[in-house]
Amino acid sequence: MTPRNLLILLMVLLFVGGVVYALRQELTREEARLRGSVSGVVQVDAALFAAGRADVQKTDRIVLLLVDTATGHPGALRIDTPFVPPQTIIVGRQDADGPLPDGEYWLIGLTDKDGEIFRPTPGEVYGRSAAPVRLGQEQVTLVLQAPFRGGLFNGTAPPGTGGTETDPALTINGTVRVAPALAAQVAVGDRLVLLVFDQAQQRPVAVRQFAAAEFPLTFSVTLTQADVAASPAGFYLRAVTDRDGQPVHAVPGELAGRLTSPVAPGRGNVEVLLDQPFER
C-alpha cells in the first residue's frame, strides 16, 4: 500500500470512528432523556367532536404537565405547538424548573388557544392519565375527553386535598412590573409565567401564564387548602417572561424576578419586579 493510500485509509477510519462515536453519544443522551421522561401519544376523544364540544385548530398549543399525585404540585411543564392530534409527546426532567424526583405523577394535557393556560376558552379540551405514570414510562396514551374548565384538575382541587379555586383566603393577588432599565427588552408577543413555590419542597405548587405581557400586569393565584396547610409561613413567587413557548428554557431577552420574602394567601398588593435576565 502506497503512503497516499495509507493516508486515505486512515482518514476514512478516523471519519467512520467519529461518526460511530457521535451516534453512540446521541443514543446515550436519548436513553437518558427517555429514562427521565414520560412519552407516548395524545389524542382527542371523537365524542367531543361529534357533540360540538371540541374545537382543535393547528394554531392551538398542547400543554402537558406532570403533577405529583401526593401533593398536587406541578413538577414539569411543556408546551408544544402546533397541536395536530394524534400527536407524539414527551415531558419530563428536561421540562422541570428544578429537581423532578422519581415517583408517581398524573400526566395532564389541555389545549390552549389564547396563551393563558388556565383561562378556559370555548373549544379547549382537557385530559388526565387514567392511572398515575412514572418517569421512564413509554407508549402512554393520553386522551383529552372533557371540555377544559380551568385548573390543573379541570376546575377542581387535586384528589384528596379538599381545596377550592375561589376562596379569597387561599388567593394571592398582586402586580408584576419591569425594572425601568430592562423595559426595552420586553418584546411584543412575550408571555409571562408566574410560579408559586412552597418553602419546604422548593417546587412549584401553582403555575399561571399570561398572554401579551403588558406591564404592569395584575395577577391572582389561588392555592389549595392542603398547600396552605403544608406551608404556613407562606410562599415564594417567581416570574419570568417567555418568548419561545418553553417557560423553563432561557433564551436571550427573557427576564426574571422573584420575591425574597414569603407571602401568605389572602394578601393583595404583592409586587414582583422583573429585574434580571432569565438564566437556567
Protein backbone atom coordinates (compact mmCIF):
# COMPACT_ATOMS: atom_id res chain seq x y z
CA MET A 1 0.00 0.00 0.00
CA THR A 2 1.39 3.36 -1.01
CA PRO A 3 1.76 6.13 1.60
CA ARG A 4 -1.01 8.06 -0.14
CA ASN A 5 -3.44 5.12 0.03
CA LEU A 6 -2.49 4.50 3.66
CA LEU A 7 -3.24 8.14 4.47
CA ILE A 8 -6.63 7.89 2.75
CA LEU A 9 -7.43 4.69 4.67
CA LEU A 10 -6.51 6.31 7.98
CA MET A 11 -8.69 9.33 7.19
CA VAL A 12 -11.63 7.05 6.33
CA LEU A 13 -11.17 5.07 9.54
CA LEU A 14 -11.00 8.26 11.61
CA PHE A 15 -14.14 9.58 9.93
CA VAL A 16 -16.04 6.32 10.49
CA GLY A 17 -14.83 6.19 14.09
CA GLY A 18 -16.00 9.76 14.67
CA VAL A 19 -19.44 9.00 13.22
CA VAL A 20 -19.80 5.86 15.35
CA TYR A 21 -18.77 7.78 18.49
CA ALA A 22 -21.22 10.60 17.75
CA LEU A 23 -24.04 8.10 17.17
CA ARG A 24 -23.28 6.33 20.46
CA GLN A 25 -23.26 9.64 22.32
CA GLU A 26 -26.58 10.59 20.78
CA LEU A 27 -28.10 7.22 21.70
CA THR A 28 -26.83 7.61 25.27
CA ARG A 29 -28.37 11.08 25.53
CA GLU A 30 -31.68 9.84 24.11
CA GLU A 31 -31.76 6.90 26.52
CA ALA A 32 -31.13 9.24 29.46
CA ARG A 33 -33.89 11.56 28.20
CA LEU A 34 -36.36 8.67 27.98
CA ARG A 35 -35.46 7.41 31.47
CA GLY A 36 -36.28 10.86 32.88
CA SER A 37 -39.48 11.41 30.89
CA VAL A 38 -42.94 10.11 30.14
CA SER A 39 -43.62 9.60 26.44
CA GLY A 40 -46.45 8.43 24.25
CA VAL A 41 -49.29 9.92 22.27
CA VAL A 42 -52.09 12.39 22.99
CA GLN A 43 -55.42 12.26 21.18
CA VAL A 44 -58.86 13.84 21.42
CA ASP A 45 -61.96 11.78 22.16
CA ALA A 46 -64.01 11.63 18.95
CA ALA A 47 -67.21 12.00 21.01
CA LEU A 48 -66.22 15.59 21.86
CA PHE A 49 -66.03 16.49 18.18
CA ALA A 50 -69.31 14.72 17.46
CA ALA A 51 -71.02 16.69 20.23
CA GLY A 52 -69.51 20.00 19.09
CA ARG A 53 -67.66 20.40 22.41
CA ALA A 54 -64.12 20.38 20.98
CA ASP A 55 -62.58 22.90 18.61
CA VAL A 56 -58.97 21.95 17.83
CA GLN A 57 -57.09 24.17 15.39
CA LYS A 58 -53.50 23.97 14.15
CA THR A 59 -52.80 27.22 15.96
CA ASP A 60 -53.72 25.62 19.31
CA ARG A 61 -50.99 24.63 21.73
CA ILE A 62 -50.89 21.43 23.74
CA VAL A 63 -49.94 21.99 27.39
CA LEU A 64 -48.50 18.96 29.18
CA LEU A 65 -47.90 18.72 32.93
CA LEU A 66 -46.57 16.09 35.30
CA VAL A 67 -48.32 16.61 38.63
CA ASP A 68 -47.26 14.90 41.86
CA THR A 69 -50.04 12.51 42.88
CA ALA A 70 -49.43 13.03 46.60
CA THR A 71 -49.32 16.82 46.72
CA GLY A 72 -50.99 18.01 43.52
CA HIS A 73 -47.87 20.08 42.75
CA PRO A 74 -46.87 20.50 39.09
CA GLY A 75 -43.34 19.21 38.59
CA ALA A 76 -42.84 19.63 34.83
CA LEU A 77 -44.47 21.84 32.22
CA ARG A 78 -44.12 21.52 28.46
CA ILE A 79 -45.91 23.45 25.72
CA ASP A 80 -45.85 22.24 22.11
CA THR A 81 -47.24 23.92 19.03
CA PRO A 82 -48.87 23.24 16.66
CA PHE A 83 -51.18 20.58 18.05
CA VAL A 84 -52.35 18.08 15.43
CA PRO A 85 -53.81 15.00 17.15
CA PRO A 86 -52.93 12.19 17.44
CA GLN A 87 -49.55 13.66 18.39
CA THR A 88 -46.49 12.08 19.98
CA ILE A 89 -45.42 13.66 23.27
CA ILE A 90 -42.57 13.58 25.76
CA VAL A 91 -42.36 15.50 29.04
CA GLY A 92 -40.00 15.09 31.95
CA ARG A 93 -36.89 16.32 33.70
CA GLN A 94 -35.86 18.49 30.75
CA ASP A 95 -39.08 20.46 31.30
CA ALA A 96 -38.78 20.88 35.07
CA ASP A 97 -37.74 24.09 36.77
CA GLY A 98 -35.79 22.23 39.45
CA PRO A 99 -35.41 18.60 40.57
CA LEU A 100 -38.01 16.10 39.38
CA PRO A 101 -37.66 13.03 41.62
CA ASP A 102 -38.76 9.52 40.79
CA GLY A 103 -42.30 8.83 41.90
CA GLU A 104 -45.87 8.78 40.65
CA TYR A 105 -47.33 11.63 38.60
CA TRP A 106 -50.57 12.47 36.89
CA LEU A 107 -49.99 13.23 33.22
CA ILE A 108 -52.30 16.13 32.39
CA GLY A 109 -52.93 17.64 28.98
CA LEU A 110 -55.01 20.57 27.84
CA THR A 111 -55.27 22.66 24.72
CA ASP A 112 -54.67 26.41 24.81
CA LYS A 113 -55.94 28.98 22.32
CA ASP A 114 -55.10 32.34 23.88
CA GLY A 115 -51.77 31.93 25.70
CA GLU A 116 -53.39 31.96 29.16
CA ILE A 117 -53.12 28.33 30.14
CA PHE A 118 -55.64 28.22 32.96
CA ARG A 119 -58.25 30.57 31.50
CA PRO A 120 -60.89 28.42 29.78
CA THR A 121 -61.77 29.33 26.21
CA PRO A 122 -64.64 27.67 24.30
CA GLY A 123 -63.35 24.67 22.37
CA GLU A 124 -60.39 23.93 24.65
CA VAL A 125 -60.24 20.33 25.86
CA TYR A 126 -58.67 18.53 28.82
CA GLY A 127 -57.50 15.07 29.81
CA ARG A 128 -55.71 13.25 32.62
CA SER A 129 -53.96 9.88 32.51
CA ALA A 130 -56.24 7.04 33.57
CA ALA A 131 -53.63 5.97 36.13
CA PRO A 132 -50.50 7.57 37.61
CA VAL A 133 -47.35 7.35 35.49
CA ARG A 134 -43.65 7.10 36.36
CA LEU A 135 -40.57 8.57 34.75
CA GLY A 136 -39.26 6.24 32.09
CA GLN A 137 -42.74 5.07 31.11
CA GLU A 138 -43.28 4.90 27.35
CA GLN A 139 -46.22 4.34 24.99
CA VAL A 140 -48.60 6.20 27.31
CA THR A 141 -51.91 7.18 25.68
CA LEU A 142 -53.42 10.42 26.97
CA VAL A 143 -56.99 11.08 25.85
CA LEU A 144 -58.41 14.61 26.04
CA GLN A 145 -62.00 13.74 26.85
CA ALA A 146 -63.65 16.76 28.51
CA PRO A 147 -64.07 20.49 27.83
CA PHE A 148 -61.45 22.45 29.76
CA ARG A 149 -62.93 24.22 32.79
CA GLY A 150 -59.74 25.71 34.28
CA GLY A 151 -57.14 24.49 36.75
CA LEU A 152 -54.73 21.57 36.95
CA PHE A 153 -57.56 19.20 37.80
CA ASN A 154 -60.07 20.80 35.46
CA GLY A 155 -61.60 23.25 37.88
CA THR A 156 -61.45 21.08 40.98
CA ALA A 157 -58.88 20.51 43.68
CA PRO A 158 -56.31 17.70 43.38
CA PRO A 159 -57.78 14.38 44.56
CA GLY A 160 -57.55 14.08 48.34
CA THR A 161 -56.55 17.70 49.02
CA GLY A 162 -60.01 19.17 49.58
CA GLY A 163 -59.17 22.57 48.07
CA THR A 164 -61.20 25.18 46.28
CA GLU A 165 -60.32 27.57 43.48
CA THR A 166 -62.46 30.53 44.54
CA ASP A 167 -61.75 31.10 48.24
CA PRO A 168 -60.21 34.58 48.74
CA ALA A 169 -58.38 33.30 51.83
CA LEU A 170 -56.42 30.96 49.56
CA THR A 171 -55.63 33.57 46.93
CA ILE A 172 -52.57 35.80 46.36
CA ASN A 173 -53.17 38.98 44.36
CA GLY A 174 -50.58 41.39 43.08
CA THR A 175 -48.74 43.08 40.23
CA VAL A 176 -45.71 42.23 38.10
CA ARG A 177 -43.58 45.18 36.99
CA VAL A 178 -40.40 45.55 34.93
CA ALA A 179 -37.33 47.40 36.16
CA PRO A 180 -37.06 50.60 34.07
CA ALA A 181 -33.55 49.70 32.90
CA LEU A 182 -34.85 46.44 31.35
CA ALA A 183 -38.18 47.68 29.95
CA ALA A 184 -36.78 47.86 26.39
CA GLN A 185 -36.11 44.10 26.45
CA VAL A 186 -39.81 43.20 26.62
CA ALA A 187 -40.91 42.30 23.10
CA VAL A 188 -44.34 42.11 21.50
CA GLY A 189 -45.58 38.54 21.91
CA ASP A 190 -43.70 37.80 25.13
CA ARG A 191 -45.74 35.90 27.68
CA LEU A 192 -45.45 36.00 31.45
CA VAL A 193 -45.19 32.85 33.54
CA LEU A 194 -45.79 33.14 37.28
CA LEU A 195 -44.70 30.29 39.58
CA VAL A 196 -45.63 29.85 43.25
CA PHE A 197 -43.21 27.78 45.37
CA ASP A 198 -43.71 26.38 48.84
CA GLN A 199 -40.79 26.75 51.24
CA ALA A 200 -40.41 23.11 52.24
CA GLN A 201 -40.07 21.43 48.85
CA GLN A 202 -38.87 24.37 46.76
CA ARG A 203 -41.09 23.14 43.93
CA PRO A 204 -43.93 24.97 42.22
CA VAL A 205 -47.39 24.38 43.68
CA ALA A 206 -49.11 26.60 41.10
CA VAL A 207 -48.30 27.96 37.64
CA ARG A 208 -50.08 30.77 35.81
CA GLN A 209 -49.33 32.00 32.31
CA PHE A 210 -50.46 35.30 30.80
CA ALA A 211 -50.52 36.18 27.12
CA ALA A 212 -49.26 39.54 25.85
CA ALA A 213 -47.11 40.57 28.80
CA GLU A 214 -48.01 44.25 29.07
CA PHE A 215 -46.71 45.76 32.27
CA PRO A 216 -47.68 46.46 34.95
CA LEU A 217 -49.62 43.19 34.91
CA THR A 218 -52.08 42.24 37.65
CA PHE A 219 -52.44 38.62 38.73
CA SER A 220 -54.44 36.36 41.00
CA VAL A 221 -53.35 32.85 42.04
CA THR A 222 -55.50 30.55 44.19
CA LEU A 223 -53.94 27.64 46.09
CA THR A 224 -55.46 24.55 47.64
CA GLN A 225 -56.17 24.21 51.35
CA ALA A 226 -53.63 21.38 51.51
CA ASP A 227 -50.89 23.61 50.05
CA VAL A 228 -51.63 26.38 52.52
CA ALA A 229 -51.67 23.97 55.46
CA ALA A 230 -48.32 22.49 54.37
CA SER A 231 -46.62 25.89 54.07
CA PRO A 232 -47.92 28.07 56.95
CA ALA A 233 -45.05 30.58 56.61
CA GLY A 234 -46.14 31.48 53.08
CA PHE A 235 -44.95 31.08 49.51
CA TYR A 236 -42.24 32.46 47.25
CA LEU A 237 -43.25 33.92 43.89
CA ARG A 238 -41.15 33.88 40.75
CA ALA A 239 -41.99 35.47 37.40
CA VAL A 240 -40.30 35.00 34.00
CA THR A 241 -41.07 36.23 30.52
CA ASP A 242 -41.30 33.61 27.79
CA ARG A 243 -40.87 34.11 24.06
CA ASP A 244 -40.21 30.58 22.74
CA GLY A 245 -43.17 28.69 24.23
CA GLN A 246 -40.98 26.79 26.71
CA PRO A 247 -41.17 28.56 30.09
CA VAL A 248 -38.27 26.67 31.69
CA HIS A 249 -35.86 27.25 28.78
CA ALA A 250 -33.99 30.55 28.77
CA VAL A 251 -33.45 32.49 25.53
CA PRO A 252 -31.84 35.92 25.08
CA GLY A 253 -34.13 38.79 26.05
CA GLU A 254 -36.23 36.90 28.60
CA LEU A 255 -36.45 38.43 32.08
CA ALA A 256 -36.93 37.08 35.59
CA GLY A 257 -37.73 38.32 39.06
CA ARG A 258 -38.63 36.81 42.42
CA LEU A 259 -39.78 37.74 45.89
CA THR A 260 -37.08 37.35 48.53
CA SER A 261 -39.62 37.04 51.34
CA PRO A 262 -42.59 34.64 51.50
CA VAL A 263 -46.15 35.87 51.21
CA ALA A 264 -49.26 34.32 52.72
CA PRO A 265 -52.52 33.66 50.83
CA GLY A 266 -55.21 36.25 51.41
CA ARG A 267 -52.78 39.08 50.68
CA GLY A 268 -53.21 41.67 47.99
CA ASN A 269 -50.84 44.29 46.63
CA VAL A 270 -47.96 41.83 46.24
CA GLU A 271 -45.37 43.19 43.79
CA VAL A 272 -42.89 41.11 41.78
CA LEU A 273 -40.19 43.04 39.92
CA LEU A 274 -38.56 41.65 36.78
CA ASP A 275 -35.06 42.94 37.38
CA GLN A 276 -32.62 40.48 35.79
CA PRO A 277 -32.10 38.36 32.65
CA PHE A 278 -33.66 34.92 32.85
CA GLU A 279 -30.99 32.23 33.13
CA ARG A 280 -31.22 28.50 33.89
